[in-house]
Amino acid sequence: MLFITTIGIAQVRKQIQGKIGVPNASAADVLILNLNTEEEVKSNADGSFLIFAKMGDILDFASPNFDYQRLIIEESAYNQNQLTVFLNAKLIFLDEVEIKSYNAVGLGVLQKPAKSYTALERRLKTAGDFKPIHLLGLLGGSLQLDPIFNAINGKTKRLKKEIKLERLQKRLALFQSFFPKEILINQLNISPDEVIEFTYFVLEKPEFITLLEARDSGKMLFYLMQKQVQFEKQKQSDEKN
């Protein structure tokens, strides 16, 4: 009974106080994820954090400023309610550049930035996207014929498909600039044969597209960690079926 009781106590998750140490840098705003519970916390200005965990839980540490780190809660950290982890700062080399920006918003010409269109989007705008409301033009004698003709001959539908593909290609290029193949394999344990499949798996998620467009690399990394678990479960389920 004592043995069973001891095991039961060891399996209880409790709040552990953690401390992130980095040489000559601030350890603030590092995202910490418990992969077993999917709980997320962020480190304070001094690098301290609190997270619920038990022995054997896996914690991931991610930040745009530090190398990715993963560790397992050991018995000593669990019993002492204390955890210390040291992160290495990323080395970023930048060329010296001078940036001058002039735009219509800054000069007070426009209230907000003008929307820019790609070549395909301009072609679609020129071709016209037929909608039933265009038929109201009959009442005023100004019915637009181009949108109707292009809807009939399939040009509008084809342009929409090409624009969708163009946007996907841009997102793919942006995604690969943040997460090259090597990072997906070495840090997220994605099989080399499944890198492309996993990439398109997350690029279909609206919430990830929002993070990608915001270029929030820290939150994107945690999102990918969560989706990696879901991706593996889905693969296993598909193989069983």
C-alpha atoms as a PDB file:
ATOM      1  CA  MET A   1       0.000   0.000   0.000  1.00  0.00           C
ATOM      2  CA  LEU A   2       2.886   2.367   0.798  1.00  0.00           C
ATOM      3  CA  PHE A   3       4.396   1.637  -2.647  1.00  0.00           C
ATOM      4  CA  ILE A   4       1.084   2.333  -4.421  1.00  0.00           C
ATOM      5  CA  THR A   5       0.572   5.532  -2.396  1.00  0.00           C
ATOM      6  CA  THR A   6       4.079   6.749  -3.261  1.00  0.00           C
ATOM      7  CA  ILE A   7       3.446   6.199  -6.978  1.00  0.00           C
ATOM      8  CA  GLY A   8       0.113   8.019  -6.770  1.00  0.00           C
ATOM      9  CA  ILE A   9       1.723  11.059  -5.129  1.00  0.00           C
ATOM     10  CA  ALA A  10       4.486  11.125  -7.729  1.00  0.00           C
ATOM     11  CA  GLN A  11       1.927  11.248 -10.498  1.00  0.00           C
ATOM     12  CA  VAL A  12       0.240  14.413  -9.155  1.00  0.00           C
ATOM     13  CA  ARG A  13       1.047  17.560 -11.119  1.00  0.00           C
ATOM     14  CA  LYS A  14       2.029  20.483  -8.968  1.00  0.00           C
ATOM     15  CA  GLN A  15       3.211  24.015  -9.566  1.00  0.00           C
ATOM     16  CA  ILE A  16       6.936  24.151 -10.181  1.00  0.00           C
ATOM     17  CA  GLN A  17       8.906  27.376 -10.025  1.00  0.00           C
ATOM     18  CA  GLY A  18      11.279  27.718 -12.928  1.00  0.00           C
ATOM     19  CA  LYS A  19      14.158  30.023 -13.723  1.00  0.00           C
ATOM     20  CA  ILE A  20      15.701  30.674 -17.138  1.00  0.00           C
ATOM     21  CA  GLY A  21      19.329  31.693 -17.200  1.00  0.00           C
ATOM     22  CA  VAL A  22      21.042  33.327 -20.181  1.00  0.00           C
ATOM     23  CA  PRO A  23      24.437  35.031 -20.266  1.00  0.00           C
ATOM     24  CA  ASN A  24      24.394  38.789 -20.866  1.00  0.00           C
ATOM     25  CA  ALA A  25      20.793  38.879 -22.126  1.00  0.00           C
ATOM     26  CA  SER A  26      17.231  39.226 -20.918  1.00  0.00           C
ATOM     27  CA  ALA A  27      15.265  36.000 -20.455  1.00  0.00           C
ATOM     28  CA  ALA A  28      11.880  37.757 -20.605  1.00  0.00           C
ATOM     29  CA  ASP A  29       8.974  36.561 -22.751  1.00  0.00           C
ATOM     30  CA  VAL A  30      10.288  33.061 -23.397  1.00  0.00           C
ATOM     31  CA  LEU A  31       7.360  30.753 -24.159  1.00  0.00           C
ATOM     32  CA  ILE A  32       7.267  27.526 -22.130  1.00  0.00           C
ATOM     33  CA  LEU A  33       4.988  24.676 -23.216  1.00  0.00           C
ATOM     34  CA  ASN A  34       4.191  21.502 -21.279  1.00  0.00           C
ATOM     35  CA  LEU A  35       3.726  19.038 -24.147  1.00  0.00           C
ATOM     36  CA  ASN A  36       1.817  16.617 -21.925  1.00  0.00           C
ATOM     37  CA  THR A  37      -0.841  19.125 -20.803  1.00  0.00           C
ATOM     38  CA  GLU A  38      -0.463  21.773 -23.560  1.00  0.00           C
ATOM     39  CA  GLU A  39      -0.269  24.458 -20.848  1.00  0.00           C
ATOM     40  CA  GLU A  40       1.558  27.594 -22.013  1.00  0.00           C
ATOM     41  CA  VAL A  41       3.266  30.180 -19.809  1.00  0.00           C
ATOM     42  CA  LYS A  42       5.662  33.026 -20.495  1.00  0.00           C
ATOM     43  CA  SER A  43       8.747  33.957 -18.459  1.00  0.00           C
ATOM     44  CA  ASN A  44       8.863  37.219 -16.497  1.00  0.00           C
ATOM     45  CA  ALA A  45      11.423  39.995 -16.885  1.00  0.00           C
ATOM     46  CA  ASP A  46      13.900  38.127 -14.657  1.00  0.00           C
ATOM     47  CA  GLY A  47      13.358  34.816 -16.473  1.00  0.00           C
ATOM     48  CA  SER A  48      11.192  33.227 -13.768  1.00  0.00           C
ATOM     49  CA  PHE A  49       7.984  31.286 -14.467  1.00  0.00           C
ATOM     50  CA  LEU A  50       5.450  28.965 -12.821  1.00  0.00           C
ATOM     51  CA  ILE A  51       4.047  25.860 -14.528  1.00  0.00           C
ATOM     52  CA  PHE A  52       2.171  22.735 -13.448  1.00  0.00           C
ATOM     53  CA  ALA A  53       4.093  19.531 -14.127  1.00  0.00           C
ATOM     54  CA  LYS A  54       4.976  16.083 -12.830  1.00  0.00           C
ATOM     55  CA  MET A  55       7.910  13.721 -13.259  1.00  0.00           C
ATOM     56  CA  GLY A  56       8.357  12.741 -16.889  1.00  0.00           C
ATOM     57  CA  ASP A  57       6.531  15.744 -18.350  1.00  0.00           C
ATOM     58  CA  ILE A  58       8.269  17.352 -21.331  1.00  0.00           C
ATOM     59  CA  LEU A  59       8.796  21.127 -21.403  1.00  0.00           C
ATOM     60  CA  ASP A  60       9.674  23.062 -24.554  1.00  0.00           C
ATOM     61  CA  PHE A  61      11.305  26.505 -24.437  1.00  0.00           C
ATOM     62  CA  ALA A  62      11.044  28.741 -27.507  1.00  0.00           C
ATOM     63  CA  SER A  63      11.948  32.320 -28.285  1.00  0.00           C
ATOM     64  CA  PRO A  64      13.069  34.202 -31.404  1.00  0.00           C
ATOM     65  CA  ASN A  65      16.160  35.287 -29.435  1.00  0.00           C
ATOM     66  CA  PHE A  66      17.342  31.898 -28.124  1.00  0.00           C
ATOM     67  CA  ASP A  67      18.024  28.406 -29.432  1.00  0.00           C
ATOM     68  CA  TYR A  68      15.182  25.948 -29.007  1.00  0.00           C
ATOM     69  CA  GLN A  69      15.441  23.829 -25.828  1.00  0.00           C
ATOM     70  CA  ARG A  70      13.542  20.764 -24.581  1.00  0.00           C
ATOM     71  CA  LEU A  71      13.854  19.032 -21.204  1.00  0.00           C
ATOM     72  CA  ILE A  72      12.132  16.386 -19.096  1.00  0.00           C
ATOM     73  CA  ILE A  73      11.013  17.010 -15.508  1.00  0.00           C
ATOM     74  CA  GLU A  74      13.287  14.863 -13.351  1.00  0.00           C
ATOM     75  CA  GLU A  75      12.721  13.616  -9.820  1.00  0.00           C
ATOM     76  CA  SER A  76      14.982  16.232  -8.197  1.00  0.00           C
ATOM     77  CA  ALA A  77      13.189  19.161  -9.860  1.00  0.00           C
ATOM     78  CA  TYR A  78       9.798  17.686  -8.998  1.00  0.00           C
ATOM     79  CA  ASN A  79      10.638  17.074  -5.320  1.00  0.00           C
ATOM     80  CA  GLN A  80      12.259  20.494  -4.828  1.00  0.00           C
ATOM     81  CA  ASN A  81       9.567  22.358  -6.825  1.00  0.00           C
ATOM     82  CA  GLN A  82      12.391  24.166  -8.594  1.00  0.00           C
ATOM     83  CA  LEU A  83      13.747  24.030 -12.121  1.00  0.00           C
ATOM     84  CA  THR A  84      16.616  25.888 -13.755  1.00  0.00           C
ATOM     85  CA  VAL A  85      17.280  25.886 -17.503  1.00  0.00           C
ATOM     86  CA  PHE A  86      20.016  27.686 -19.425  1.00  0.00           C
ATOM     87  CA  LEU A  87      19.368  28.926 -22.973  1.00  0.00           C
ATOM     88  CA  ASN A  88      21.852  29.960 -25.638  1.00  0.00           C
ATOM     89  CA  ALA A  89      21.306  33.251 -27.451  1.00  0.00           C
ATOM     90  CA  LYS A  90      20.991  33.035 -31.240  1.00  0.00           C
ATOM     91  CA  LEU A  91      23.708  34.679 -33.268  1.00  0.00           C
ATOM     92  CA  ILE A  92      22.275  37.066 -35.863  1.00  0.00           C
ATOM     93  CA  PHE A  93      24.597  38.862 -38.272  1.00  0.00           C
ATOM     94  CA  LEU A  94      23.229  41.946 -40.002  1.00  0.00           C
ATOM     95  CA  ASP A  95      24.800  44.121 -42.659  1.00  0.00           C
ATOM     96  CA  GLU A  96      24.876  47.821 -41.952  1.00  0.00           C
ATOM     97  CA  VAL A  97      22.048  49.447 -43.882  1.00  0.00           C
ATOM     98  CA  GLU A  98      20.348  52.815 -43.987  1.00  0.00           C
ATOM     99  CA  ILE A  99      16.583  52.690 -44.412  1.00  0.00           C
ATOM    100  CA  LYS A 100      14.540  55.629 -45.573  1.00  0.00           C
ATOM    101  CA  SER A 101      10.819  55.204 -45.883  1.00  0.00           C
ATOM    102  CA  TYR A 102       8.458  57.590 -47.598  1.00  0.00           C
ATOM    103  CA  ASN A 103       4.828  56.710 -48.163  1.00  0.00           C
ATOM    104  CA  ALA A 104       1.506  58.398 -48.725  1.00  0.00           C
ATOM    105  CA  VAL A 105       0.330  57.699 -45.163  1.00  0.00           C
ATOM    106  CA  GLY A 106       3.443  59.246 -43.618  1.00  0.00           C
ATOM    107  CA  LEU A 107       3.097  62.302 -45.838  1.00  0.00           C
ATOM    108  CA  GLY A 108      -0.576  62.681 -44.879  1.00  0.00           C
ATOM    109  CA  VAL A 109      -1.879  61.979 -48.388  1.00  0.00           C
ATOM    110  CA  LEU A 110      -3.828  58.860 -47.331  1.00  0.00           C
ATOM    111  CA  GLN A 111      -5.540  57.931 -44.080  1.00  0.00           C
ATOM    112  CA  LYS A 112      -4.346  54.296 -44.365  1.00  0.00           C
ATOM    113  CA  PRO A 113      -2.017  52.363 -46.711  1.00  0.00           C
ATOM    114  CA  ALA A 114      -3.447  51.769 -50.166  1.00  0.00           C
ATOM    115  CA  LYS A 115      -4.204  48.135 -50.925  1.00  0.00           C
ATOM    116  CA  SER A 116      -1.727  46.590 -53.326  1.00  0.00           C
ATOM    117  CA  TYR A 117      -2.715  43.988 -55.924  1.00  0.00           C
ATOM    118  CA  THR A 118      -0.714  41.256 -57.604  1.00  0.00           C
ATOM    119  CA  ALA A 119      -0.779  40.916 -61.385  1.00  0.00           C
ATOM    120  CA  LEU A 120      -3.391  38.136 -61.164  1.00  0.00           C
ATOM    121  CA  GLU A 121      -5.564  40.151 -58.758  1.00  0.00           C
ATOM    122  CA  ARG A 122      -5.446  43.121 -61.159  1.00  0.00           C
ATOM    123  CA  ARG A 123      -6.513  40.830 -64.005  1.00  0.00           C
ATOM    124  CA  LEU A 124      -9.446  39.563 -61.930  1.00  0.00           C
ATOM    125  CA  LYS A 125     -10.416  43.143 -61.067  1.00  0.00           C
ATOM    126  CA  THR A 126     -10.326  44.035 -64.764  1.00  0.00           C
ATOM    127  CA  ALA A 127     -12.261  40.924 -65.810  1.00  0.00           C
ATOM    128  CA  GLY A 128     -14.911  41.586 -63.188  1.00  0.00           C
ATOM    129  CA  ASP A 129     -16.355  39.125 -60.698  1.00  0.00           C
ATOM    130  CA  PHE A 130     -20.004  38.589 -61.613  1.00  0.00           C
ATOM    131  CA  LYS A 131     -22.518  38.851 -58.776  1.00  0.00           C
ATOM    132  CA  PRO A 132     -26.335  38.862 -58.997  1.00  0.00           C
ATOM    133  CA  ILE A 133     -26.357  42.494 -57.879  1.00  0.00           C
ATOM    134  CA  HIS A 134     -24.867  43.384 -61.286  1.00  0.00           C
ATOM    135  CA  LEU A 135     -28.276  42.618 -62.797  1.00  0.00           C
ATOM    136  CA  LEU A 136     -29.624  45.732 -61.066  1.00  0.00           C
ATOM    137  CA  GLY A 137     -27.697  47.642 -63.710  1.00  0.00           C
ATOM    138  CA  LEU A 138     -30.498  46.737 -66.117  1.00  0.00           C
ATOM    139  CA  LEU A 139     -32.750  49.181 -64.285  1.00  0.00           C
ATOM    140  CA  GLY A 140     -30.352  52.045 -64.881  1.00  0.00           C
ATOM    141  CA  GLY A 141     -29.321  50.972 -68.351  1.00  0.00           C
ATOM    142  CA  SER A 142     -25.704  50.447 -67.306  1.00  0.00           C
ATOM    143  CA  LEU A 143     -25.383  46.649 -67.167  1.00  0.00           C
ATOM    144  CA  GLN A 144     -21.711  45.536 -67.104  1.00  0.00           C
ATOM    145  CA  LEU A 145     -21.271  42.772 -69.674  1.00  0.00           C
ATOM    146  CA  ASP A 146     -17.637  41.760 -69.019  1.00  0.00           C
ATOM    147  CA  PRO A 147     -18.336  40.072 -65.657  1.00  0.00           C
ATOM    148  CA  ILE A 148     -21.172  38.067 -67.235  1.00  0.00           C
ATOM    149  CA  PHE A 149     -19.144  36.962 -70.275  1.00  0.00           C
ATOM    150  CA  ASN A 150     -16.143  36.033 -68.138  1.00  0.00           C
ATOM    151  CA  ALA A 151     -18.344  34.023 -65.777  1.00  0.00           C
ATOM    152  CA  ILE A 152     -19.786  32.122 -68.745  1.00  0.00           C
ATOM    153  CA  ASN A 153     -16.468  31.320 -70.442  1.00  0.00           C
ATOM    154  CA  GLY A 154     -14.800  30.316 -67.149  1.00  0.00           C
ATOM    155  CA  LYS A 155     -12.161  33.059 -67.136  1.00  0.00           C
ATOM    156  CA  THR A 156     -13.196  34.408 -63.718  1.00  0.00           C
ATOM    157  CA  LYS A 157     -13.183  30.938 -62.139  1.00  0.00           C
ATOM    158  CA  ARG A 158      -9.767  30.187 -63.611  1.00  0.00           C
ATOM    159  CA  LEU A 159      -8.318  33.475 -62.342  1.00  0.00           C
ATOM    160  CA  LYS A 160      -9.652  32.789 -58.835  1.00  0.00           C
ATOM    161  CA  LYS A 161      -7.931  29.396 -58.813  1.00  0.00           C
ATOM    162  CA  GLU A 162      -4.670  30.947 -59.990  1.00  0.00           C
ATOM    163  CA  ILE A 163      -4.885  33.647 -57.277  1.00  0.00           C
ATOM    164  CA  LYS A 164      -5.526  30.990 -54.615  1.00  0.00           C
ATOM    165  CA  LEU A 165      -2.476  29.040 -55.809  1.00  0.00           C
ATOM    166  CA  GLU A 166      -0.382  32.227 -55.913  1.00  0.00           C
ATOM    167  CA  ARG A 167      -1.286  33.060 -52.295  1.00  0.00           C
ATOM    168  CA  LEU A 168      -0.467  29.509 -51.196  1.00  0.00           C
ATOM    169  CA  GLN A 169       2.936  29.717 -52.874  1.00  0.00           C
ATOM    170  CA  LYS A 170       3.667  33.024 -51.098  1.00  0.00           C
ATOM    171  CA  ARG A 171       2.666  31.563 -47.744  1.00  0.00           C
ATOM    172  CA  LEU A 172       4.831  28.519 -48.429  1.00  0.00           C
ATOM    173  CA  ALA A 173       7.857  30.690 -49.218  1.00  0.00           C
ATOM    174  CA  LEU A 174       7.272  32.789 -46.067  1.00  0.00           C
ATOM    175  CA  PHE A 175       6.831  29.641 -43.959  1.00  0.00           C
ATOM    176  CA  GLN A 176      10.089  28.146 -45.265  1.00  0.00           C
ATOM    177  CA  SER A 177      11.944  31.377 -44.480  1.00  0.00           C
ATOM    178  CA  PHE A 178      10.977  30.956 -40.801  1.00  0.00           C
ATOM    179  CA  PHE A 179      11.106  27.169 -40.638  1.00  0.00           C
ATOM    180  CA  PRO A 180      13.512  25.542 -43.099  1.00  0.00           C
ATOM    181  CA  LYS A 181      13.364  21.796 -43.590  1.00  0.00           C
ATOM    182  CA  GLU A 182      16.215  21.229 -41.119  1.00  0.00           C
ATOM    183  CA  ILE A 183      14.302  22.907 -38.252  1.00  0.00           C
ATOM    184  CA  LEU A 184      11.193  20.801 -38.868  1.00  0.00           C
ATOM    185  CA  ILE A 185      13.291  17.623 -38.850  1.00  0.00           C
ATOM    186  CA  ASN A 186      15.676  18.368 -35.971  1.00  0.00           C
ATOM    187  CA  GLN A 187      13.519  20.434 -33.626  1.00  0.00           C
ATOM    188  CA  LEU A 188      10.004  19.151 -34.295  1.00  0.00           C
ATOM    189  CA  ASN A 189      10.970  15.548 -35.100  1.00  0.00           C
ATOM    190  CA  ILE A 190       9.131  15.578 -38.416  1.00  0.00           C
ATOM    191  CA  SER A 191      10.161  12.689 -40.661  1.00  0.00           C
ATOM    192  CA  PRO A 192      12.069  13.908 -43.758  1.00  0.00           C
ATOM    193  CA  ASP A 193       9.506  12.098 -45.903  1.00  0.00           C
ATOM    194  CA  GLU A 194       6.626  13.958 -44.209  1.00  0.00           C
ATOM    195  CA  VAL A 195       8.000  17.524 -44.183  1.00  0.00           C
ATOM    196  CA  ILE A 196       5.966  18.632 -47.224  1.00  0.00           C
ATOM    197  CA  GLU A 197       2.798  16.930 -45.977  1.00  0.00           C
ATOM    198  CA  PHE A 198       3.132  18.537 -42.525  1.00  0.00           C
ATOM    199  CA  THR A 199       3.828  21.937 -44.087  1.00  0.00           C
ATOM    200  CA  TYR A 200       0.607  21.908 -46.103  1.00  0.00           C
ATOM    201  CA  PHE A 201      -1.227  20.452 -43.086  1.00  0.00           C
ATOM    202  CA  VAL A 202      -0.546  23.615 -41.049  1.00  0.00           C
ATOM    203  CA  LEU A 203      -0.810  26.042 -43.987  1.00  0.00           C
ATOM    204  CA  GLU A 204      -4.470  25.045 -44.314  1.00  0.00           C
ATOM    205  CA  LYS A 205      -5.225  26.299 -40.783  1.00  0.00           C
ATOM    206  CA  PRO A 206      -6.667  29.874 -40.695  1.00  0.00           C
ATOM    207  CA  GLU A 207      -5.244  30.495 -37.213  1.00  0.00           C
ATOM    208  CA  PHE A 208      -1.724  29.634 -38.397  1.00  0.00           C
ATOM    209  CA  ILE A 209      -2.107  31.854 -41.479  1.00  0.00           C
ATOM    210  CA  THR A 210      -2.878  34.738 -39.090  1.00  0.00           C
ATOM    211  CA  LEU A 211       0.314  34.040 -37.095  1.00  0.00           C
ATOM    212  CA  LEU A 212       2.318  33.685 -40.312  1.00  0.00           C
ATOM    213  CA  GLU A 213       1.099  36.999 -41.705  1.00  0.00           C
ATOM    214  CA  ALA A 214       1.883  38.634 -38.334  1.00  0.00           C
ATOM    215  CA  ARG A 215       5.367  37.026 -38.519  1.00  0.00           C
ATOM    216  CA  ASP A 216       5.129  35.977 -34.864  1.00  0.00           C
ATOM    217  CA  SER A 217       7.848  33.302 -34.892  1.00  0.00           C
ATOM    218  CA  GLY A 218       7.527  32.428 -31.193  1.00  0.00           C
ATOM    219  CA  LYS A 219       3.809  31.686 -31.317  1.00  0.00           C
ATOM    220  CA  MET A 220       4.221  29.950 -34.680  1.00  0.00           C
ATOM    221  CA  LEU A 221       6.797  27.592 -33.165  1.00  0.00           C
ATOM    222  CA  PHE A 222       4.483  26.645 -30.301  1.00  0.00           C
ATOM    223  CA  TYR A 223       1.600  26.195 -32.720  1.00  0.00           C
ATOM    224  CA  LEU A 224       3.725  23.819 -34.815  1.00  0.00           C
ATOM    225  CA  MET A 225       4.663  21.838 -31.682  1.00  0.00           C
ATOM    226  CA  GLN A 226       0.990  21.353 -30.863  1.00  0.00           C
ATOM    227  CA  LYS A 227       0.056  20.476 -34.425  1.00  0.00           C
ATOM    228  CA  GLN A 228       2.961  18.017 -34.684  1.00  0.00           C
ATOM    229  CA  VAL A 229       1.287  15.874 -32.010  1.00  0.00           C
ATOM    230  CA  GLN A 230      -2.081  16.154 -33.801  1.00  0.00           C
ATOM    231  CA  PHE A 231      -0.413  15.377 -37.138  1.00  0.00           C
ATOM    232  CA  GLU A 232       1.181  12.183 -35.794  1.00  0.00           C
ATOM    233  CA  LYS A 233      -2.113  11.019 -34.228  1.00  0.00           C
ATOM    234  CA  GLN A 234      -3.929  11.643 -37.518  1.00  0.00           C
ATOM    235  CA  LYS A 235      -1.260   9.691 -39.441  1.00  0.00           C
ATOM    236  CA  GLN A 236      -1.564   6.755 -37.051  1.00  0.00           C
ATOM    237  CA  SER A 237      -5.354   6.840 -37.320  1.00  0.00           C
ATOM    238  CA  ASP A 238      -5.200   6.897 -41.129  1.00  0.00           C
ATOM    239  CA  GLU A 239      -2.791   3.938 -41.137  1.00  0.00           C
ATOM    240  CA  LYS A 240      -5.118   1.906 -38.910  1.00  0.00           C
ATOM    241  CA  ASN A 241      -8.067   2.643 -41.186  1.00  0.00           C
END
